[in-house]
Amino acid sequence: MKIVQCDFLAGVGDPASFPPPGLPEVAFMGRSNVGKSSLLNALLDRRHLARIGSTPGRTRQVNFFRVNGACLFVDLPGYGFSRVSRSLRARWKDLVEAYLNRPASRRLAILIVDARHPLTEMDREMIDWLQARRMPFRVAANKTDKLSRNEWQKNLNLNLQEIHRPGLLVPCSAHTREGIPKLWAAIDGMLHETTPTH
């Protein structure tokens, strides 16, 4: 998809204020330090649309971006960030679950993980959650540019053993743009209903 227009629609901290469902949605989720905002900006070919913080855990609301008037990109708060209070982590969890349980005409989830490390328990729980709800998703293994080819192959094999479906895992780098075309292919497939639903 050629990005003609991309607008920040809303930043929402209360599920009651979510925009009404209508357009297809692409939800970006992952731990707080996996480069979620950087990858989102790379997909949209924008440098500063999604704010990138030097401190992980800056996304404390659900941010909605309207892309070409055709779909919404939704940036969810990162999970697993230990430097915030337990009550705030619980509020983020409730906010994310409220969004994911919200009706949508079509939705693709992109779970962003760190290519340098094995999946965490929270990553596994999120994959199980998505599979249980039969929500289409991809796992974007980000920051591949920080690994040697041998290191990446080792980590890729470990992650594939856990995910079991090789087509769901997309090696990515916001810096080199590796994986961006594959993620867009999944997004375009969702928009045109040509990808499997689970």
C-alpha atoms as a PDB file:
ATOM      1  CA  MET A   1       0.000   0.000   0.000  1.00  0.00           C
ATOM      2  CA  LYS A   2       1.295   3.438  -0.888  1.00  0.00           C
ATOM      3  CA  ILE A   3       0.799   5.761   2.075  1.00  0.00           C
ATOM      4  CA  VAL A   4      -0.969   8.834   0.753  1.00  0.00           C
ATOM      5  CA  GLN A   5      -2.341  10.147   4.023  1.00  0.00           C
ATOM      6  CA  CYS A   6      -1.854   9.212   7.660  1.00  0.00           C
ATOM      7  CA  ASP A   7      -3.423  11.134  10.517  1.00  0.00           C
ATOM      8  CA  PHE A   8      -3.332  10.805  14.269  1.00  0.00           C
ATOM      9  CA  LEU A   9      -6.961  10.224  15.155  1.00  0.00           C
ATOM     10  CA  ALA A  10      -7.070   9.905  18.939  1.00  0.00           C
ATOM     11  CA  GLY A  11      -5.164   8.872  22.039  1.00  0.00           C
ATOM     12  CA  VAL A  12      -7.555   7.102  24.384  1.00  0.00           C
ATOM     13  CA  GLY A  13      -7.104   6.128  28.021  1.00  0.00           C
ATOM     14  CA  ASP A  14     -10.711   5.107  28.666  1.00  0.00           C
ATOM     15  CA  PRO A  15     -12.465   2.325  26.710  1.00  0.00           C
ATOM     16  CA  ALA A  16     -15.653   4.398  26.699  1.00  0.00           C
ATOM     17  CA  SER A  17     -13.861   6.872  24.414  1.00  0.00           C
ATOM     18  CA  PHE A  18     -12.670   4.396  21.760  1.00  0.00           C
ATOM     19  CA  PRO A  19     -13.652   5.518  18.236  1.00  0.00           C
ATOM     20  CA  PRO A  20     -16.720   3.668  16.942  1.00  0.00           C
ATOM     21  CA  PRO A  21     -15.899   0.491  14.977  1.00  0.00           C
ATOM     22  CA  GLY A  22     -16.040   0.732  11.227  1.00  0.00           C
ATOM     23  CA  LEU A  23     -12.719   0.623   9.383  1.00  0.00           C
ATOM     24  CA  PRO A  24     -10.505  -2.488   9.461  1.00  0.00           C
ATOM     25  CA  GLU A  25      -7.835  -2.282  12.142  1.00  0.00           C
ATOM     26  CA  VAL A  26      -4.189  -3.297  12.537  1.00  0.00           C
ATOM     27  CA  ALA A  27      -3.271  -3.601  16.218  1.00  0.00           C
ATOM     28  CA  PHE A  28       0.382  -3.319  17.266  1.00  0.00           C
ATOM     29  CA  MET A  29       1.299  -4.916  20.586  1.00  0.00           C
ATOM     30  CA  GLY A  30       4.383  -6.118  22.403  1.00  0.00           C
ATOM     31  CA  ARG A  31       6.696  -5.565  25.329  1.00  0.00           C
ATOM     32  CA  SER A  32       7.675  -2.019  26.182  1.00  0.00           C
ATOM     33  CA  ASN A  33      11.224  -2.163  24.790  1.00  0.00           C
ATOM     34  CA  VAL A  34      10.864  -4.006  21.478  1.00  0.00           C
ATOM     35  CA  GLY A  35      10.818  -0.959  19.175  1.00  0.00           C
ATOM     36  CA  LYS A  36       7.079  -0.951  18.574  1.00  0.00           C
ATOM     37  CA  SER A  37       6.818   2.760  17.727  1.00  0.00           C
ATOM     38  CA  SER A  38       9.894   2.610  15.474  1.00  0.00           C
ATOM     39  CA  LEU A  39       8.454  -0.289  13.492  1.00  0.00           C
ATOM     40  CA  LEU A  40       5.086   1.420  13.193  1.00  0.00           C
ATOM     41  CA  ASN A  41       6.797   4.550  11.855  1.00  0.00           C
ATOM     42  CA  ALA A  42       8.772   2.424   9.368  1.00  0.00           C
ATOM     43  CA  LEU A  43       5.574   0.810   8.097  1.00  0.00           C
ATOM     44  CA  LEU A  44       3.990   4.224   7.608  1.00  0.00           C
ATOM     45  CA  ASP A  45       7.181   5.729   6.156  1.00  0.00           C
ATOM     46  CA  ARG A  46       7.034   8.486   8.762  1.00  0.00           C
ATOM     47  CA  ARG A  47       9.776   9.421  11.202  1.00  0.00           C
ATOM     48  CA  HIS A  48       7.846  10.833  14.105  1.00  0.00           C
ATOM     49  CA  LEU A  49       4.194   9.864  13.777  1.00  0.00           C
ATOM     50  CA  ALA A  50       4.319   7.344  16.629  1.00  0.00           C
ATOM     51  CA  ARG A  51       6.349   8.885  19.414  1.00  0.00           C
ATOM     52  CA  ILE A  52       9.593   7.112  20.252  1.00  0.00           C
ATOM     53  CA  GLY A  53      10.794   7.555  23.816  1.00  0.00           C
ATOM     54  CA  SER A  54      14.231   7.018  25.288  1.00  0.00           C
ATOM     55  CA  THR A  55      12.464   5.399  28.232  1.00  0.00           C
ATOM     56  CA  PRO A  56      10.425   2.238  27.563  1.00  0.00           C
ATOM     57  CA  GLY A  57       6.779   2.267  28.547  1.00  0.00           C
ATOM     58  CA  ARG A  58       5.871   5.734  27.304  1.00  0.00           C
ATOM     59  CA  THR A  59       2.735   4.611  25.453  1.00  0.00           C
ATOM     60  CA  ARG A  60       0.121   4.820  28.208  1.00  0.00           C
ATOM     61  CA  GLN A  61      -2.972   4.984  26.051  1.00  0.00           C
ATOM     62  CA  VAL A  62      -4.373   3.396  22.907  1.00  0.00           C
ATOM     63  CA  ASN A  63      -3.332   5.557  19.948  1.00  0.00           C
ATOM     64  CA  PHE A  64      -5.390   5.433  16.751  1.00  0.00           C
ATOM     65  CA  PHE A  65      -3.994   6.469  13.333  1.00  0.00           C
ATOM     66  CA  ARG A  66      -6.143   6.631  10.191  1.00  0.00           C
ATOM     67  CA  VAL A  67      -4.232   5.399   7.121  1.00  0.00           C
ATOM     68  CA  ASN A  68      -5.397   6.403   3.629  1.00  0.00           C
ATOM     69  CA  GLY A  69      -8.929   6.555   4.989  1.00  0.00           C
ATOM     70  CA  ALA A  70      -8.926   2.748   4.539  1.00  0.00           C
ATOM     71  CA  CYS A  71      -7.898   1.359   7.919  1.00  0.00           C
ATOM     72  CA  LEU A  72      -6.799   2.225  11.441  1.00  0.00           C
ATOM     73  CA  PHE A  73      -3.361   1.495  12.855  1.00  0.00           C
ATOM     74  CA  VAL A  74      -3.716   1.048  16.607  1.00  0.00           C
ATOM     75  CA  ASP A  75      -0.678   1.409  18.889  1.00  0.00           C
ATOM     76  CA  LEU A  76      -1.349  -0.416  22.186  1.00  0.00           C
ATOM     77  CA  PRO A  77       0.479   0.182  25.480  1.00  0.00           C
ATOM     78  CA  GLY A  78       3.480  -2.082  25.932  1.00  0.00           C
ATOM     79  CA  TYR A  79       3.274  -4.864  28.473  1.00  0.00           C
ATOM     80  CA  GLY A  80       5.828  -6.170  30.949  1.00  0.00           C
ATOM     81  CA  PHE A  81       7.479  -2.852  31.836  1.00  0.00           C
ATOM     82  CA  SER A  82       8.637  -3.196  35.436  1.00  0.00           C
ATOM     83  CA  ARG A  83       9.382   0.454  36.265  1.00  0.00           C
ATOM     84  CA  VAL A  84       5.779   1.488  36.633  1.00  0.00           C
ATOM     85  CA  SER A  85       3.432   0.746  39.497  1.00  0.00           C
ATOM     86  CA  ARG A  86       1.488  -2.486  39.668  1.00  0.00           C
ATOM     87  CA  SER A  87      -1.766  -0.547  39.550  1.00  0.00           C
ATOM     88  CA  LEU A  88      -0.714   1.228  36.348  1.00  0.00           C
ATOM     89  CA  ARG A  89       0.313  -2.080  34.733  1.00  0.00           C
ATOM     90  CA  ALA A  90      -3.092  -3.490  35.668  1.00  0.00           C
ATOM     91  CA  ARG A  91      -4.828  -0.468  34.125  1.00  0.00           C
ATOM     92  CA  TRP A  92      -2.827  -0.883  30.893  1.00  0.00           C
ATOM     93  CA  LYS A  93      -3.774  -4.589  30.796  1.00  0.00           C
ATOM     94  CA  ASP A  94      -7.456  -3.778  31.234  1.00  0.00           C
ATOM     95  CA  LEU A  95      -7.226  -1.102  28.527  1.00  0.00           C
ATOM     96  CA  VAL A  96      -5.568  -3.466  26.023  1.00  0.00           C
ATOM     97  CA  GLU A  97      -8.051  -6.265  26.713  1.00  0.00           C
ATOM     98  CA  ALA A  98     -10.967  -3.836  26.364  1.00  0.00           C
ATOM     99  CA  TYR A  99      -9.622  -2.788  22.958  1.00  0.00           C
ATOM    100  CA  LEU A 100      -9.035  -6.367  21.747  1.00  0.00           C
ATOM    101  CA  ASN A 101     -12.523  -7.408  22.868  1.00  0.00           C
ATOM    102  CA  ARG A 102     -14.022  -4.444  21.004  1.00  0.00           C
ATOM    103  CA  PRO A 103     -15.912  -5.305  17.799  1.00  0.00           C
ATOM    104  CA  ALA A 104     -14.145  -4.609  14.502  1.00  0.00           C
ATOM    105  CA  SER A 105     -15.128  -5.258  10.903  1.00  0.00           C
ATOM    106  CA  ARG A 106     -11.712  -6.897  10.393  1.00  0.00           C
ATOM    107  CA  ARG A 107      -8.618  -6.898  12.549  1.00  0.00           C
ATOM    108  CA  LEU A 108      -5.020  -8.086  12.214  1.00  0.00           C
ATOM    109  CA  ALA A 109      -2.788  -8.167  15.290  1.00  0.00           C
ATOM    110  CA  ILE A 110       0.955  -7.652  14.932  1.00  0.00           C
ATOM    111  CA  LEU A 111       2.800  -8.904  17.996  1.00  0.00           C
ATOM    112  CA  ILE A 112       6.273  -7.356  18.088  1.00  0.00           C
ATOM    113  CA  VAL A 113       9.008  -9.277  19.886  1.00  0.00           C
ATOM    114  CA  ASP A 114      12.766  -8.742  20.251  1.00  0.00           C
ATOM    115  CA  ALA A 115      14.670 -10.885  17.736  1.00  0.00           C
ATOM    116  CA  ARG A 116      17.663 -10.952  20.099  1.00  0.00           C
ATOM    117  CA  HIS A 117      15.837 -12.937  22.787  1.00  0.00           C
ATOM    118  CA  PRO A 118      13.574 -15.981  23.104  1.00  0.00           C
ATOM    119  CA  LEU A 119       9.858 -15.383  23.540  1.00  0.00           C
ATOM    120  CA  THR A 120       8.929 -14.330  27.060  1.00  0.00           C
ATOM    121  CA  GLU A 121       6.136 -15.870  29.082  1.00  0.00           C
ATOM    122  CA  MET A 122       4.040 -12.767  28.353  1.00  0.00           C
ATOM    123  CA  ASP A 123       4.690 -13.172  24.606  1.00  0.00           C
ATOM    124  CA  ARG A 124       3.502 -16.774  24.821  1.00  0.00           C
ATOM    125  CA  GLU A 125       0.414 -15.766  26.759  1.00  0.00           C
ATOM    126  CA  MET A 126      -0.442 -13.157  24.119  1.00  0.00           C
ATOM    127  CA  ILE A 127      -0.035 -15.709  21.297  1.00  0.00           C
ATOM    128  CA  ASP A 128      -2.270 -18.153  23.181  1.00  0.00           C
ATOM    129  CA  TRP A 129      -4.821 -15.363  23.734  1.00  0.00           C
ATOM    130  CA  LEU A 130      -4.878 -14.465  20.024  1.00  0.00           C
ATOM    131  CA  GLN A 131      -5.144 -18.094  18.941  1.00  0.00           C
ATOM    132  CA  ALA A 132      -7.933 -18.828  21.423  1.00  0.00           C
ATOM    133  CA  ARG A 133      -9.942 -15.951  19.947  1.00  0.00           C
ATOM    134  CA  ARG A 134      -9.056 -16.971  16.379  1.00  0.00           C
ATOM    135  CA  MET A 135      -7.733 -13.487  15.711  1.00  0.00           C
ATOM    136  CA  PRO A 136      -5.415 -13.251  12.662  1.00  0.00           C
ATOM    137  CA  PHE A 137      -1.904 -12.236  13.704  1.00  0.00           C
ATOM    138  CA  ARG A 138       1.767 -12.069  12.782  1.00  0.00           C
ATOM    139  CA  VAL A 139       4.785 -12.140  15.089  1.00  0.00           C
ATOM    140  CA  ALA A 140       7.251  -9.437  14.022  1.00  0.00           C
ATOM    141  CA  ALA A 141      10.715 -10.309  15.344  1.00  0.00           C
ATOM    142  CA  ASN A 142      12.196  -6.805  15.430  1.00  0.00           C
ATOM    143  CA  LYS A 143      15.802  -5.549  15.718  1.00  0.00           C
ATOM    144  CA  THR A 144      17.338  -8.183  13.431  1.00  0.00           C
ATOM    145  CA  ASP A 145      19.915  -5.552  12.406  1.00  0.00           C
ATOM    146  CA  LYS A 146      21.474  -5.933  15.867  1.00  0.00           C
ATOM    147  CA  LEU A 147      22.263  -9.622  15.307  1.00  0.00           C
ATOM    148  CA  SER A 148      24.793 -11.507  13.235  1.00  0.00           C
ATOM    149  CA  ARG A 149      23.340 -13.928  10.709  1.00  0.00           C
ATOM    150  CA  ASN A 150      24.322 -16.901  12.879  1.00  0.00           C
ATOM    151  CA  GLU A 151      22.757 -15.359  15.985  1.00  0.00           C
ATOM    152  CA  TRP A 152      19.573 -14.576  14.105  1.00  0.00           C
ATOM    153  CA  GLN A 153      19.308 -18.097  12.669  1.00  0.00           C
ATOM    154  CA  LYS A 154      19.706 -19.590  16.155  1.00  0.00           C
ATOM    155  CA  ASN A 155      17.008 -17.342  17.624  1.00  0.00           C
ATOM    156  CA  LEU A 156      14.749 -17.887  14.613  1.00  0.00           C
ATOM    157  CA  ASN A 157      14.887 -21.641  15.104  1.00  0.00           C
ATOM    158  CA  LEU A 158      14.072 -21.290  18.811  1.00  0.00           C
ATOM    159  CA  ASN A 159      11.057 -19.080  18.105  1.00  0.00           C
ATOM    160  CA  LEU A 160       9.792 -21.307  15.296  1.00  0.00           C
ATOM    161  CA  GLN A 161       9.817 -24.266  17.693  1.00  0.00           C
ATOM    162  CA  GLU A 162       7.366 -22.352  19.889  1.00  0.00           C
ATOM    163  CA  ILE A 163       5.146 -20.765  17.238  1.00  0.00           C
ATOM    164  CA  HIS A 164       4.825 -23.929  15.096  1.00  0.00           C
ATOM    165  CA  ARG A 165       3.595 -21.990  12.040  1.00  0.00           C
ATOM    166  CA  PRO A 166       6.594 -20.536  10.167  1.00  0.00           C
ATOM    167  CA  GLY A 167       4.444 -18.199   8.070  1.00  0.00           C
ATOM    168  CA  LEU A 168       3.408 -16.246  11.159  1.00  0.00           C
ATOM    169  CA  LEU A 169       6.956 -15.197  12.090  1.00  0.00           C
ATOM    170  CA  VAL A 170       8.354 -12.187  10.195  1.00  0.00           C
ATOM    171  CA  PRO A 171      11.982 -11.111  10.796  1.00  0.00           C
ATOM    172  CA  CYS A 172      11.972  -7.298  10.937  1.00  0.00           C
ATOM    173  CA  SER A 173      14.123  -4.235  11.367  1.00  0.00           C
ATOM    174  CA  ALA A 174      12.813  -0.700  11.547  1.00  0.00           C
ATOM    175  CA  HIS A 175      16.365   0.427  10.706  1.00  0.00           C
ATOM    176  CA  THR A 176      17.001  -1.658   7.561  1.00  0.00           C
ATOM    177  CA  ARG A 177      13.288  -2.118   6.685  1.00  0.00           C
ATOM    178  CA  GLU A 178      13.706  -5.891   6.571  1.00  0.00           C
ATOM    179  CA  GLY A 179      10.299  -7.511   6.852  1.00  0.00           C
ATOM    180  CA  ILE A 180       8.302  -4.364   6.061  1.00  0.00           C
ATOM    181  CA  PRO A 181       7.034  -5.721   2.690  1.00  0.00           C
ATOM    182  CA  LYS A 182       5.933  -9.000   4.350  1.00  0.00           C
ATOM    183  CA  LEU A 183       4.027  -7.149   7.047  1.00  0.00           C
ATOM    184  CA  TRP A 184       2.340  -4.977   4.420  1.00  0.00           C
ATOM    185  CA  ALA A 185       1.418  -8.129   2.467  1.00  0.00           C
ATOM    186  CA  ALA A 186      -0.342  -9.452   5.586  1.00  0.00           C
ATOM    187  CA  ILE A 187      -2.083  -6.104   6.122  1.00  0.00           C
ATOM    188  CA  ASP A 188      -3.176  -5.880   2.479  1.00  0.00           C
ATOM    189  CA  GLY A 189      -4.409  -9.470   2.676  1.00  0.00           C
ATOM    190  CA  MET A 190      -6.545  -8.617   5.693  1.00  0.00           C
ATOM    191  CA  LEU A 191      -7.949  -5.535   3.968  1.00  0.00           C
ATOM    192  CA  HIS A 192      -8.878  -7.592   0.930  1.00  0.00           C
ATOM    193  CA  GLU A 193      -9.854 -10.700   2.924  1.00  0.00           C
ATOM    194  CA  THR A 194      -7.360 -12.943   1.145  1.00  0.00           C
ATOM    195  CA  THR A 195      -5.535 -14.236   4.245  1.00  0.00           C
ATOM    196  CA  PRO A 196      -6.706 -17.109   6.459  1.00  0.00           C
ATOM    197  CA  THR A 197      -8.762 -16.037   9.468  1.00  0.00           C
ATOM    198  CA  HIS A 198      -6.657 -18.023  11.904  1.00  0.00           C
END
